[in-house]
Protein backbone atom coordinates (compact mmCIF):
# COMPACT_ATOMS: atom_id res chain seq x y z
CA MET A 1 -7.73 -74.11 -135.10
CA ALA A 2 -4.15 -74.32 -136.17
CA THR A 3 -4.34 -72.63 -139.57
CA SER A 4 -2.53 -69.58 -140.79
CA VAL A 5 -1.68 -67.73 -143.94
CA SER A 6 1.45 -69.29 -145.32
CA SER A 7 4.50 -67.04 -145.45
CA ARG A 8 7.83 -68.38 -146.65
CA ALA A 9 10.48 -65.94 -145.47
CA GLY A 10 13.66 -65.81 -143.43
CA SER A 11 15.16 -69.15 -142.56
CA ASP A 12 12.63 -71.05 -144.70
CA GLU A 13 13.79 -69.24 -147.83
CA GLN A 14 17.42 -69.85 -146.90
CA ALA A 15 16.75 -73.55 -146.40
CA VAL A 16 15.07 -73.83 -149.77
CA SER A 17 17.81 -71.94 -151.61
CA ALA A 18 20.55 -73.96 -149.93
CA ALA A 19 19.05 -77.32 -150.85
CA PRO A 20 20.98 -79.05 -153.64
CA VAL A 21 17.77 -80.43 -155.20
CA SER A 22 14.92 -78.68 -156.99
CA PRO A 23 11.92 -77.38 -154.99
CA THR A 24 9.87 -80.24 -156.39
CA GLY A 25 12.39 -82.94 -155.53
CA PRO A 26 12.16 -85.60 -152.79
CA ARG A 27 13.83 -83.44 -150.16
CA ALA A 28 11.42 -80.56 -150.80
CA ARG A 29 8.45 -82.91 -150.58
CA LEU A 30 9.78 -84.32 -147.30
CA ARG A 31 10.29 -80.79 -145.96
CA SER A 32 6.72 -79.77 -146.94
CA SER A 33 5.17 -82.92 -145.46
CA GLY A 34 6.76 -82.30 -142.04
CA PRO A 35 4.42 -79.48 -140.97
CA MET A 36 1.42 -81.44 -142.20
CA LEU A 37 2.32 -84.52 -140.19
CA ALA A 38 3.06 -82.37 -137.15
CA PHE A 39 -0.32 -80.67 -137.52
CA ILE A 40 -2.17 -83.97 -137.81
CA GLY A 41 -0.35 -85.38 -134.80
CA ARG A 42 -1.03 -82.29 -132.74
CA ARG A 43 -4.73 -82.29 -133.63
CA ILE A 44 -5.11 -85.99 -132.90
CA LEU A 45 -3.40 -85.57 -129.53
CA SER A 46 -5.47 -82.56 -128.51
CA SER A 47 -8.67 -84.23 -129.73
CA ALA A 48 -7.83 -87.39 -127.78
CA ILE A 49 -7.38 -85.32 -124.60
CA VAL A 50 -10.71 -83.57 -125.17
CA LEU A 51 -12.46 -86.88 -125.86
CA LEU A 52 -10.88 -88.43 -122.78
CA GLY A 53 -12.12 -85.61 -120.55
CA ALA A 54 -15.58 -85.70 -122.11
CA THR A 55 -15.96 -89.44 -121.63
CA PHE A 56 -14.93 -89.11 -117.97
CA ILE A 57 -17.52 -86.37 -117.35
CA VAL A 58 -20.28 -88.31 -119.11
CA TYR A 59 -19.40 -91.51 -117.24
CA MET A 60 -19.57 -89.69 -113.90
CA LEU A 61 -22.90 -88.10 -114.80
CA LEU A 62 -24.33 -91.48 -115.80
CA ALA A 63 -23.07 -93.02 -112.55
CA ILE A 64 -24.94 -90.35 -110.63
CA ALA A 65 -28.12 -90.18 -112.73
CA LEU A 66 -28.67 -93.87 -113.58
CA ASP A 67 -29.44 -96.32 -110.81
CA PRO A 68 -29.55 -99.89 -112.18
CA LEU A 69 -31.01 -101.07 -108.85
CA GLU A 70 -34.08 -98.86 -109.09
CA ASP A 71 -36.42 -101.62 -110.28
CA LEU A 72 -35.27 -103.95 -107.49
CA TYR A 73 -35.91 -101.41 -104.74
CA THR A 74 -39.64 -101.56 -105.52
CA SER A 75 -39.68 -105.32 -106.06
CA SER A 76 -41.82 -107.56 -103.85
CA ALA A 77 -39.74 -110.68 -104.47
CA PRO A 78 -38.91 -112.66 -101.30
CA ASN A 79 -35.22 -112.79 -102.25
CA LYS A 80 -35.05 -109.07 -102.95
CA GLU A 81 -31.84 -108.48 -101.01
CA GLN A 82 -30.13 -111.38 -102.71
CA LEU A 83 -31.12 -110.04 -106.15
CA ILE A 84 -29.79 -106.61 -105.26
CA GLN A 85 -26.47 -108.04 -104.11
CA GLN A 86 -26.18 -110.17 -107.24
CA ARG A 87 -26.64 -107.12 -109.48
CA ILE A 88 -24.19 -105.09 -107.40
CA ASP A 89 -21.60 -107.82 -107.85
CA ALA A 90 -22.35 -108.21 -111.57
CA LEU A 91 -22.03 -104.49 -112.27
CA ASP A 92 -19.21 -103.94 -109.78
CA LEU A 93 -21.20 -101.15 -108.11
CA ASP A 94 -19.17 -101.45 -104.88
CA THR A 95 -16.18 -100.02 -106.75
CA PRO A 96 -16.05 -96.20 -106.90
CA ALA A 97 -17.19 -94.71 -110.20
CA PRO A 98 -13.76 -93.26 -111.15
CA LEU A 99 -12.18 -96.70 -110.86
CA ARG A 100 -14.98 -98.25 -112.90
CA TYR A 101 -14.30 -95.58 -115.53
CA LEU A 102 -10.64 -96.59 -115.68
CA SER A 103 -11.70 -100.20 -116.20
CA TRP A 104 -14.08 -99.13 -119.01
CA LEU A 105 -11.35 -96.94 -120.52
CA GLY A 106 -8.95 -99.88 -120.59
CA GLY A 107 -11.43 -101.85 -122.67
CA ALA A 108 -12.17 -98.86 -124.93
CA ALA A 109 -8.44 -98.36 -125.53
CA GLN A 110 -8.34 -101.81 -127.11
CA CYS A 111 -10.48 -100.42 -129.95
CA ILE A 112 -7.44 -98.52 -131.30
CA PRO A 113 -5.35 -101.62 -132.19
CA ALA A 114 -8.57 -103.45 -133.07
CA ALA A 115 -9.11 -100.89 -135.85
CA VAL A 116 -6.09 -102.35 -137.65
CA GLY A 117 -6.98 -105.95 -136.90
CA ILE A 118 -5.04 -106.43 -133.67
CA GLY A 119 -7.09 -107.67 -130.73
CA THR A 120 -10.77 -106.99 -130.08
CA CYS A 121 -12.67 -103.86 -129.11
CA ASP A 122 -14.34 -103.99 -125.68
CA LEU A 123 -16.89 -101.28 -124.82
CA GLY A 124 -18.63 -103.29 -122.12
CA THR A 125 -21.74 -105.43 -122.10
CA SER A 126 -25.38 -104.47 -121.63
CA TRP A 127 -26.60 -105.96 -118.39
CA VAL A 128 -30.18 -105.86 -119.68
CA THR A 129 -29.69 -107.86 -122.89
CA ASN A 130 -26.32 -109.44 -121.96
CA GLN A 131 -25.10 -108.37 -125.41
CA PRO A 132 -21.71 -106.76 -126.08
CA VAL A 133 -21.97 -103.05 -126.85
CA THR A 134 -19.82 -103.53 -129.95
CA ALA A 135 -22.41 -105.95 -131.33
CA MET A 136 -25.20 -103.45 -130.59
CA LEU A 137 -23.26 -100.69 -132.34
CA SER A 138 -22.56 -102.92 -135.35
CA THR A 139 -26.31 -103.13 -135.86
CA ALA A 140 -27.22 -99.55 -134.99
CA ILE A 141 -24.51 -97.74 -136.99
CA PRO A 142 -25.40 -99.18 -140.44
CA SER A 143 -29.09 -98.53 -139.77
CA THR A 144 -28.41 -94.89 -138.92
CA LEU A 145 -26.06 -94.47 -141.88
CA THR A 146 -28.74 -95.83 -144.20
CA LEU A 147 -31.25 -93.37 -142.78
CA ILE A 148 -29.18 -90.21 -142.75
CA THR A 149 -26.87 -90.58 -145.76
CA MET A 150 -29.43 -89.89 -148.46
CA SER A 151 -31.30 -87.24 -146.47
CA THR A 152 -28.19 -85.37 -145.40
CA PHE A 153 -26.51 -85.14 -148.79
CA THR A 154 -29.81 -84.34 -150.51
CA ALA A 155 -30.53 -81.57 -148.01
CA ILE A 156 -27.02 -80.17 -148.45
CA ALA A 157 -27.21 -80.22 -152.25
CA LEU A 158 -30.72 -78.75 -152.43
CA GLY A 159 -30.14 -76.26 -149.63
CA ILE A 160 -26.94 -74.84 -151.10
CA THR A 161 -28.39 -74.74 -154.63
CA VAL A 162 -31.60 -73.00 -153.62
CA GLY A 163 -29.76 -70.67 -151.24
CA ILE A 164 -27.33 -69.57 -153.95
CA ALA A 165 -30.15 -69.11 -156.46
CA SER A 166 -32.00 -67.03 -153.87
CA ALA A 167 -28.93 -64.86 -153.25
CA LEU A 168 -28.45 -64.28 -156.98
CA ARG A 169 -32.12 -63.26 -157.24
CA GLN A 170 -32.11 -61.06 -154.14
CA TYR A 171 -35.29 -59.12 -153.37
CA THR A 172 -37.31 -60.89 -156.07
CA GLY A 173 -40.47 -62.92 -155.63
CA PHE A 174 -38.41 -66.10 -155.73
CA ASP A 175 -36.12 -64.82 -152.98
CA TYR A 176 -39.04 -63.80 -150.78
CA GLY A 177 -40.76 -67.14 -151.37
CA VAL A 178 -37.62 -69.12 -150.48
CA THR A 179 -37.06 -66.99 -147.39
CA PHE A 180 -40.65 -67.49 -146.25
CA MET A 181 -40.57 -71.25 -146.80
CA SER A 182 -37.19 -71.54 -145.09
CA PHE A 183 -38.42 -69.84 -141.94
CA VAL A 184 -41.61 -71.92 -141.94
CA LEU A 185 -39.72 -75.20 -142.30
CA TYR A 186 -37.10 -74.14 -139.76
CA SER A 187 -39.76 -73.40 -137.15
CA LEU A 188 -41.74 -76.63 -137.59
CA PRO A 189 -41.25 -79.24 -134.84
CA SER A 190 -39.68 -82.38 -136.23
CA PHE A 191 -42.18 -84.70 -134.54
CA TRP A 192 -45.09 -82.76 -136.04
CA VAL A 193 -43.56 -82.93 -139.53
CA ALA A 194 -43.06 -86.69 -139.12
CA VAL A 195 -46.66 -87.23 -138.00
CA LEU A 196 -48.03 -85.20 -140.93
CA LEU A 197 -45.89 -87.19 -143.34
CA LYS A 198 -47.26 -90.43 -141.95
CA LEU A 199 -50.82 -89.12 -142.24
CA TRP A 200 -50.65 -87.59 -145.72
CA GLY A 201 -47.52 -89.04 -147.29
CA ALA A 202 -48.24 -92.66 -146.40
CA ILE A 203 -51.85 -93.24 -145.38
CA GLY A 204 -53.29 -90.63 -147.75
CA PHE A 205 -51.14 -91.66 -150.73
CA ASN A 206 -51.80 -95.36 -150.18
CA ASP A 207 -55.53 -94.65 -150.15
CA PHE A 208 -55.16 -92.60 -153.34
CA LEU A 209 -53.42 -95.51 -155.12
CA ALA A 210 -56.62 -97.56 -154.82
CA ASP A 211 -58.04 -95.28 -157.56
CA PRO A 212 -55.25 -92.97 -158.81
CA ARG A 213 -57.37 -90.60 -160.86
CA ILE A 214 -56.84 -86.85 -160.54
CA SER A 215 -59.95 -84.70 -160.79
CA PRO A 216 -60.06 -81.82 -163.32
CA PRO A 217 -60.22 -79.13 -160.56
CA ALA A 218 -57.13 -80.66 -158.93
CA ILE A 219 -55.30 -80.70 -162.28
CA ALA A 220 -56.20 -77.05 -162.86
CA GLY A 221 -55.09 -76.01 -159.39
CA LEU A 222 -51.79 -77.88 -159.58
CA ALA A 223 -51.15 -76.49 -163.07
CA LEU A 224 -51.61 -72.92 -161.81
CA LEU A 225 -49.32 -73.65 -158.87
CA GLY A 226 -46.68 -75.11 -161.18
CA GLY A 227 -46.89 -72.06 -163.44
CA LEU A 228 -46.46 -69.68 -160.51
CA ILE A 229 -43.44 -71.59 -159.20
CA TRP A 230 -41.67 -71.75 -162.57
CA GLN A 231 -42.24 -68.11 -163.45
CA ALA A 232 -40.84 -67.15 -160.04
CA ILE A 233 -37.77 -69.34 -160.63
CA VAL A 234 -37.08 -68.08 -164.15
CA GLY A 235 -37.92 -64.44 -163.42
CA GLY A 236 -37.17 -61.65 -165.90
CA ALA A 237 -39.48 -59.13 -167.55
CA ALA A 238 -43.24 -59.35 -167.26
CA GLN A 239 -43.65 -60.71 -170.77
CA ARG A 240 -41.09 -63.43 -170.18
CA ARG A 241 -42.68 -64.40 -166.90
CA ALA A 242 -46.11 -64.59 -168.55
CA VAL A 243 -44.77 -66.88 -171.28
CA VAL A 244 -43.04 -69.11 -168.72
CA PHE A 245 -46.21 -69.21 -166.61
CA GLY A 246 -48.36 -70.26 -169.55
CA VAL A 247 -45.97 -72.89 -170.90
CA SER A 248 -45.25 -74.44 -167.52
CA ALA A 249 -48.93 -74.46 -166.52
CA LEU A 250 -49.90 -76.22 -169.76
CA ALA A 251 -47.02 -78.69 -169.41
CA THR A 252 -48.01 -79.47 -165.82
CA ALA A 253 -51.65 -79.96 -166.78
CA ALA A 254 -50.72 -82.26 -169.69
CA MET A 255 -48.42 -84.33 -167.49
CA LEU A 256 -51.03 -84.72 -164.74
CA PHE A 257 -53.72 -85.64 -167.29
CA PHE A 258 -51.46 -88.32 -168.75
CA ILE A 259 -50.65 -89.72 -165.29
CA SER A 260 -54.34 -89.84 -164.38
CA ALA A 261 -55.61 -91.27 -167.68
CA SER A 262 -52.92 -93.91 -168.14
CA GLY A 263 -52.73 -95.13 -164.56
CA TRP A 264 -49.01 -94.41 -164.62
CA LEU A 265 -48.75 -94.46 -160.83
CA LEU A 266 -49.76 -98.12 -160.75
CA ASP A 267 -47.03 -99.20 -163.19
CA PRO A 268 -44.54 -96.32 -163.61
CA SER A 269 -41.58 -96.21 -165.98
CA LEU A 270 -39.36 -93.72 -167.76
CA GLY A 271 -38.15 -95.51 -170.86
CA ILE A 272 -35.30 -94.67 -173.20
CA VAL A 273 -37.08 -91.64 -174.72
CA VAL A 274 -37.74 -89.88 -171.42
CA ILE A 275 -34.25 -90.70 -170.15
CA THR A 276 -32.69 -89.28 -173.31
CA VAL A 277 -34.77 -86.09 -173.19
CA LEU A 278 -34.00 -85.56 -169.51
CA GLY A 279 -30.34 -86.36 -170.17
CA VAL A 280 -30.12 -83.70 -172.88
CA ALA A 281 -31.70 -81.15 -170.54
CA ILE A 282 -29.23 -82.14 -167.81
CA ALA A 283 -26.34 -81.86 -170.27
CA PHE A 284 -27.29 -78.28 -171.15
CA GLY A 285 -27.84 -77.35 -167.50
CA VAL A 286 -24.59 -78.88 -166.25
CA THR A 287 -22.59 -77.33 -169.08
CA ALA A 288 -24.16 -73.92 -168.49
CA VAL A 289 -23.01 -73.99 -164.87
CA ALA A 290 -19.70 -75.84 -165.18
CA ALA A 291 -18.30 -74.37 -168.40
CA GLY A 292 -20.80 -72.06 -170.08
CA LEU A 293 -22.76 -72.90 -173.22
CA ARG A 294 -20.19 -71.07 -175.34
CA ASN A 295 -17.75 -73.86 -174.55
CA ARG A 296 -18.92 -76.13 -177.35
CA ARG A 297 -16.48 -78.92 -176.55
CA ALA A 298 -17.84 -79.19 -173.01
CA LEU A 299 -21.41 -79.24 -174.34
CA TYR A 300 -20.58 -81.86 -176.96
CA SER A 301 -18.84 -83.93 -174.29
CA ALA A 302 -21.95 -83.89 -172.09
CA LEU A 303 -24.23 -84.72 -175.04
CA THR A 304 -21.91 -87.58 -176.02
CA ALA A 305 -22.26 -88.96 -172.50
CA VAL A 306 -26.06 -88.85 -172.95
CA ALA A 307 -25.81 -90.64 -176.29
CA LEU A 308 -23.60 -93.33 -174.75
CA GLY A 309 -26.09 -93.82 -171.92
CA ALA A 310 -28.98 -94.14 -174.39
CA ALA A 311 -27.00 -96.64 -176.48
CA LEU A 312 -26.32 -98.80 -173.41
CA TYR A 313 -29.93 -98.68 -172.16
CA TYR A 314 -31.04 -102.05 -173.58
CA PRO A 315 -27.79 -103.97 -172.94
CA LEU A 316 -27.96 -102.83 -169.32
CA GLN A 317 -31.45 -104.31 -168.95
CA TYR A 318 -30.04 -107.80 -169.44
CA LEU A 319 -27.27 -107.10 -166.94
CA PHE A 320 -29.81 -105.76 -164.42
CA TYR A 321 -31.96 -108.87 -164.83
CA TYR A 322 -29.27 -111.53 -164.46
CA ALA A 323 -26.54 -110.04 -162.25
CA ALA A 324 -27.99 -107.17 -160.21
CA SER A 325 -26.35 -106.50 -156.83
CA GLY A 326 -25.38 -103.57 -154.66
CA PRO A 327 -21.65 -103.68 -155.43
CA MET A 328 -22.43 -103.95 -159.13
CA MET A 329 -24.58 -100.80 -158.99
CA ILE A 330 -21.77 -98.91 -157.27
CA GLY A 331 -19.31 -100.23 -159.83
CA LEU A 332 -21.53 -99.13 -162.72
CA GLY A 333 -21.79 -95.67 -161.19
CA LEU A 334 -18.00 -95.43 -161.03
CA VAL A 335 -17.75 -96.68 -164.62
CA ALA A 336 -20.22 -93.99 -165.69
CA ILE A 337 -18.08 -91.29 -164.06
CA ALA A 338 -14.90 -92.70 -165.60
CA SER A 339 -16.58 -92.86 -169.01
CA GLY A 340 -17.59 -89.22 -168.72
CA VAL A 341 -14.05 -88.24 -167.78
CA LEU A 342 -12.68 -90.15 -170.78
CA ILE A 343 -15.22 -88.57 -173.14
CA GLY A 344 -14.30 -85.09 -171.92
CA TRP A 345 -10.60 -85.82 -172.31
CA LEU A 346 -11.08 -87.11 -175.87
CA TRP A 347 -13.04 -84.01 -176.87
CA GLY A 348 -10.13 -82.00 -175.49
CA GLY A 349 -10.04 -78.28 -176.13
CA PRO A 350 -8.18 -75.46 -174.39
CA ASP A 351 -9.60 -76.54 -171.02
CA ARG A 352 -10.03 -80.30 -170.85
CA GLY A 353 -10.99 -80.09 -167.20
CA GLN A 354 -14.29 -78.36 -167.94
CA SER A 355 -15.23 -80.92 -170.61
CA MET A 356 -14.31 -83.82 -168.35
CA ARG A 357 -16.28 -82.37 -165.44
CA ALA A 358 -19.40 -81.66 -167.51
CA ALA A 359 -19.38 -85.10 -169.13
CA ALA A 360 -18.74 -86.96 -165.86
CA ILE A 361 -21.59 -85.22 -164.00
CA THR A 362 -23.97 -85.74 -166.92
CA ALA A 363 -23.01 -89.42 -167.22
CA LEU A 364 -23.68 -89.93 -163.51
CA PHE A 365 -27.14 -88.38 -163.80
CA VAL A 366 -28.00 -90.49 -166.84
CA ALA A 367 -26.85 -93.61 -164.99
CA ALA A 368 -29.03 -92.64 -162.03
CA LEU A 369 -32.06 -92.19 -164.32
CA THR A 370 -31.42 -95.63 -165.84
CA PHE A 371 -31.27 -97.16 -162.36
CA VAL A 372 -34.50 -95.44 -161.32
CA ASP A 373 -36.22 -96.64 -164.50
CA ARG A 374 -35.27 -100.25 -163.78
CA LEU A 375 -36.37 -99.90 -160.17
CA MET A 376 -39.75 -98.59 -161.31
CA GLY A 377 -40.19 -101.82 -163.26
CA VAL A 378 -40.84 -103.79 -160.05
CA TRP A 379 -43.27 -101.26 -158.54
CA GLN A 380 -46.38 -103.15 -159.65
CA VAL A 381 -45.00 -106.51 -158.54
CA TYR A 382 -43.92 -105.07 -155.21
CA SER A 383 -47.14 -103.19 -154.38
CA SER A 384 -49.38 -106.12 -155.35
CA SER A 385 -47.51 -108.70 -153.24
CA SER A 386 -49.36 -110.25 -150.32
CA ARG A 387 -47.13 -108.58 -147.73
CA ILE A 388 -47.69 -105.10 -149.17
CA ALA A 389 -51.36 -105.48 -150.17
CA GLY A 390 -51.48 -102.36 -152.32
CA ARG A 391 -50.09 -100.03 -149.65
CA PRO A 392 -46.42 -99.60 -150.67
CA ILE A 393 -45.46 -96.51 -148.67
CA ALA A 394 -44.40 -97.79 -145.24
CA THR A 395 -44.85 -95.89 -141.99
CA ILE A 396 -42.69 -97.86 -139.56
CA GLY A 397 -39.56 -99.97 -139.57
CA SER A 398 -36.75 -100.40 -142.07
CA GLN A 399 -38.09 -103.42 -143.97
CA THR A 400 -41.24 -105.47 -144.51
CA PRO A 401 -41.21 -108.68 -142.42
CA GLY A 402 -41.49 -111.84 -144.47
CA LEU A 403 -41.10 -110.15 -147.85
CA SER A 404 -39.13 -112.19 -150.37
CA GLY A 405 -37.87 -111.20 -153.80
CA ASP A 406 -34.85 -110.41 -155.93
CA PHE A 407 -32.43 -107.51 -155.58
CA TRP A 408 -34.86 -105.01 -157.11
CA VAL A 409 -37.78 -105.97 -154.87
CA GLU A 410 -35.59 -105.74 -151.77
CA THR A 411 -34.20 -102.37 -152.92
CA MET A 412 -37.70 -101.07 -153.57
CA ASP A 413 -38.75 -102.20 -150.09
CA THR A 414 -35.78 -100.37 -148.56
CA TYR A 415 -36.56 -97.17 -150.43
CA THR A 416 -40.26 -97.20 -149.57
CA HIS A 417 -39.32 -97.44 -145.90
CA LEU A 418 -36.79 -94.63 -146.33
CA ILE A 419 -39.10 -92.16 -148.06
CA LEU A 420 -40.89 -90.66 -145.06
CA PRO A 421 -37.99 -90.38 -142.56
CA THR A 422 -35.74 -89.07 -145.35
CA ILE A 423 -38.23 -86.35 -146.30
CA ALA A 424 -38.64 -85.43 -142.63
CA LEU A 425 -34.89 -84.98 -142.18
CA ILE A 426 -34.54 -83.12 -145.50
CA LEU A 427 -37.23 -80.60 -144.61
CA ILE A 428 -35.62 -79.88 -141.26
CA SER A 429 -32.04 -79.52 -142.56
CA PHE A 430 -32.90 -77.91 -145.90
CA ALA A 431 -34.07 -74.67 -144.31
CA SER A 432 -30.87 -74.06 -142.36
CA TYR A 433 -28.58 -74.85 -145.32
CA THR A 434 -30.60 -72.49 -147.52
CA ARG A 435 -30.25 -69.59 -145.09
CA TYR A 436 -26.54 -70.21 -144.47
CA SER A 437 -25.64 -70.44 -148.16
CA ARG A 438 -27.72 -67.39 -149.09
CA ALA A 439 -26.17 -65.21 -146.39
CA SER A 440 -22.66 -66.45 -147.19
CA LEU A 441 -22.93 -65.76 -150.93
CA LEU A 442 -24.46 -62.32 -150.38
CA GLU A 443 -21.53 -61.42 -148.15
CA VAL A 444 -19.02 -62.61 -150.73
CA MET A 445 -20.75 -60.85 -153.64
CA ASN A 446 -20.24 -57.52 -151.90
CA GLN A 447 -16.46 -57.95 -151.64
CA ASP A 448 -14.03 -55.77 -153.56
CA TYR A 449 -12.50 -58.60 -155.58
CA ILE A 450 -15.96 -59.48 -156.98
CA ARG A 451 -16.41 -55.89 -158.18
CA THR A 452 -12.91 -56.02 -159.65
CA ALA A 453 -13.71 -59.24 -161.53
CA ARG A 454 -16.82 -57.64 -162.99
CA ALA A 455 -14.92 -54.48 -163.89
CA LYS A 456 -12.42 -56.60 -165.84
CA GLY A 457 -15.31 -57.78 -168.02
CA LEU A 458 -15.54 -61.38 -166.83
CA PRO A 459 -18.86 -63.10 -167.58
CA GLU A 460 -21.26 -63.27 -164.65
CA ARG A 461 -21.11 -67.07 -164.67
CA ILE A 462 -17.34 -67.04 -164.13
CA VAL A 463 -17.63 -64.36 -161.45
CA THR A 464 -20.24 -66.40 -159.59
CA VAL A 465 -18.94 -69.95 -160.07
CA ARG A 466 -15.16 -69.46 -159.98
CA HIS A 467 -14.76 -66.45 -157.69
CA ALA A 468 -17.82 -66.16 -155.42
CA PHE A 469 -19.11 -69.71 -155.00
CA ARG A 470 -15.86 -71.24 -153.72
CA ASN A 471 -15.38 -68.53 -151.10
CA ALA A 472 -19.03 -68.75 -150.09
CA LEU A 473 -18.47 -72.40 -149.21
CA ILE A 474 -15.88 -71.59 -146.52
CA PRO A 475 -18.43 -70.76 -143.76
CA LEU A 476 -20.47 -73.80 -144.80
CA ALA A 477 -17.34 -75.94 -144.39
CA THR A 478 -17.66 -75.37 -140.65
CA ILE A 479 -21.33 -76.31 -140.47
CA VAL A 480 -21.70 -79.27 -142.80
CA PRO A 481 -19.12 -81.73 -141.33
CA LEU A 482 -20.27 -81.04 -137.78
CA ASP A 483 -23.91 -81.41 -138.81
CA ILE A 484 -23.16 -84.75 -140.43
CA ALA A 485 -21.34 -85.89 -137.29
CA ASN A 486 -24.30 -84.85 -135.15
CA LEU A 487 -26.72 -86.71 -137.39
CA PHE A 488 -24.44 -89.73 -137.15
CA GLY A 489 -25.58 -89.95 -133.55
CA GLY A 490 -29.04 -90.67 -134.85
CA ALA A 491 -32.08 -88.55 -135.56
CA ILE A 492 -33.60 -89.55 -132.24
CA ILE A 493 -37.11 -88.16 -132.73
CA THR A 494 -37.36 -89.36 -136.34
CA GLU A 495 -36.11 -92.82 -135.43
CA ARG A 496 -38.62 -93.10 -132.61
CA ILE A 497 -41.64 -91.99 -134.67
CA PHE A 498 -40.81 -94.25 -137.61
CA ALA A 499 -39.64 -97.17 -135.41
CA TRP A 500 -36.16 -97.13 -136.95
CA SER A 501 -33.61 -99.00 -134.81
CA GLY A 502 -30.48 -96.87 -135.03
CA MET A 503 -28.10 -94.94 -132.83
CA GLY A 504 -30.85 -92.73 -131.43
CA THR A 505 -32.88 -95.76 -130.38
CA LEU A 506 -29.80 -97.32 -128.80
CA PHE A 507 -29.23 -94.14 -126.77
CA LEU A 508 -32.84 -93.85 -125.56
CA ARG A 509 -33.09 -97.53 -124.69
CA GLY A 510 -29.90 -97.31 -122.65
CA LEU A 511 -31.23 -94.35 -120.68
CA ASN A 512 -34.61 -95.97 -120.07
CA ASP A 513 -33.03 -99.25 -118.93
CA LYS A 514 -30.48 -97.47 -116.69
CA ASP A 515 -27.81 -99.22 -118.77
CA ALA A 516 -24.65 -97.10 -118.86
CA ASP A 517 -22.44 -99.13 -121.22
CA PRO A 518 -24.63 -98.72 -124.37
CA VAL A 519 -24.92 -94.98 -123.64
CA MET A 520 -21.14 -94.73 -123.36
CA GLY A 521 -20.79 -96.69 -126.59
CA TYR A 522 -23.12 -94.21 -128.27
CA PHE A 523 -21.16 -91.29 -126.87
CA ILE A 524 -17.75 -92.60 -127.92
CA VAL A 525 -18.95 -93.09 -131.50
CA VAL A 526 -20.55 -89.64 -131.73
CA GLY A 527 -17.60 -88.00 -129.98
CA THR A 528 -15.12 -89.63 -132.33
CA ALA A 529 -17.20 -88.55 -135.32
CA LEU A 530 -17.19 -84.95 -134.08
CA VAL A 531 -13.42 -85.04 -133.51
CA VAL A 532 -12.82 -86.35 -137.03
CA ALA A 533 -15.21 -83.73 -138.44
CA ASN A 534 -13.30 -80.92 -136.72
CA ILE A 535 -10.02 -82.13 -138.23
CA LEU A 536 -11.62 -82.42 -141.66
CA VAL A 537 -12.89 -78.84 -141.40
CA ASP A 538 -9.30 -77.58 -141.27
CA PHE A 539 -8.36 -79.47 -144.42
CA ILE A 540 -11.52 -78.31 -146.20
CA TYR A 541 -10.52 -74.74 -145.37
CA ALA A 542 -7.12 -75.29 -146.96
CA ALA A 543 -8.71 -76.87 -150.04
CA LEU A 544 -11.18 -74.02 -150.55
CA ASP A 545 -8.81 -71.14 -149.79
CA PRO A 546 -5.24 -71.48 -151.12
CA ARG A 547 -4.08 -68.74 -148.73
CA ILE A 548 -4.70 -71.06 -145.80
CA ARG A 549 -1.87 -73.44 -145.05
CA VAL A 550 -1.22 -75.85 -142.23
CA ASN A 551 1.96 -74.98 -140.32
CA ALA A 552 3.74 -76.72 -137.49
């Protein structure tokens, strides 16, 4: 990795002092951009060489391991020899494998100009389906992205949050509980987790929806469990833990009783009151982490974002009903963030950045709650449709065949198919992210500069958020991009169990059919993703640690 601590001395200092323009002028910017461009060019060149060598090795291994004539050797057809010769001619098997690789590489090289709209990308054709590999990838890549995007980012967010909370509460009951659960989840086989989710998360829950009443013993047991979890999270003295246990247990019992008595699971909703209450809680939580509750302007900015979201609740219902679409939802999310930034800027204060950040994050959460509330509105219509027949949690596939409906029904169908594979991937990845983030933060918290920050009298929140957290992310910067690139290749076991046609399915089908071109297409996509991830890691390092600079 071509990163180093920046040192401007010697000839560099002389060049800067001799320049007739200011250090921030055009010539200085050109001089500073030179090393960056050289670094990017060098990394792209070295990565291209590595990718070239890897594709050659994989192609040779496939040529040795896969025999596309295997099924014909055992055939009893009278024209067996003719069929064998026809396939040899079609796949050019008389040509040595290295020369066939050069022919494949020539087609793959066309993908570079095709990326900017010049020419067409040619990664070969599947001899089994007679379909171009690029067409197969165009179907498999979006399917895999849909499957892994939500699970990956949710696992990263939850894993890092829980890991940091566990490190800050080291050697407490919460820390021991998180450690135990992390090791349990990390050791579970992914196929076993997926099967259990299908059994209990889909079949069991669908059966429960036929009569969604919770028995009093179950309410009592879940209330006790909720109390134990919350008192472990909050911690503190014994009296405080007892109060938290009692309040959380009673709140859990009341919520479960309401859900059971009202049949909420059959026709769920949040409503403006629940969204506002949750938004206020989010505003306080986000402000406490991002700026501290003593920063009143940041808190008022976040609460203003909640008030704006509540005021727009009913007007948005009309917009959702008449003009709902995917791009519109993305646009509304961006508008929510921009509105939060504007609110924080208008509240101002000595540090506008904290107010803008707190308001923007809060506004995004309130917008997400409003979206979820509207999506819940079609739950009853969706689950009672003839194609669903009261069993809304799907176990296989990415959509329900023959289901028709508006944007919200289709979105609900997509999410119900995503629930189980997403949870399976979250449980597997969550454990590793939790352990990595906990170990990284514990190492940082023992550094001298952390003790110095505390000795200077800085609040613990500032010590943790501004000094420790950012440095704790540096080791994770190596893991997360590469993990995302690996998942981009498809969660093979999860895709197979849940019958999800993505990159993993494409890879397995190519191996089973002795079809090399789809396997090479899979490999070139995954290899390129890993190369890009490695380059991004270097820039993430520089963003997290200002001492790291990219030099030529």
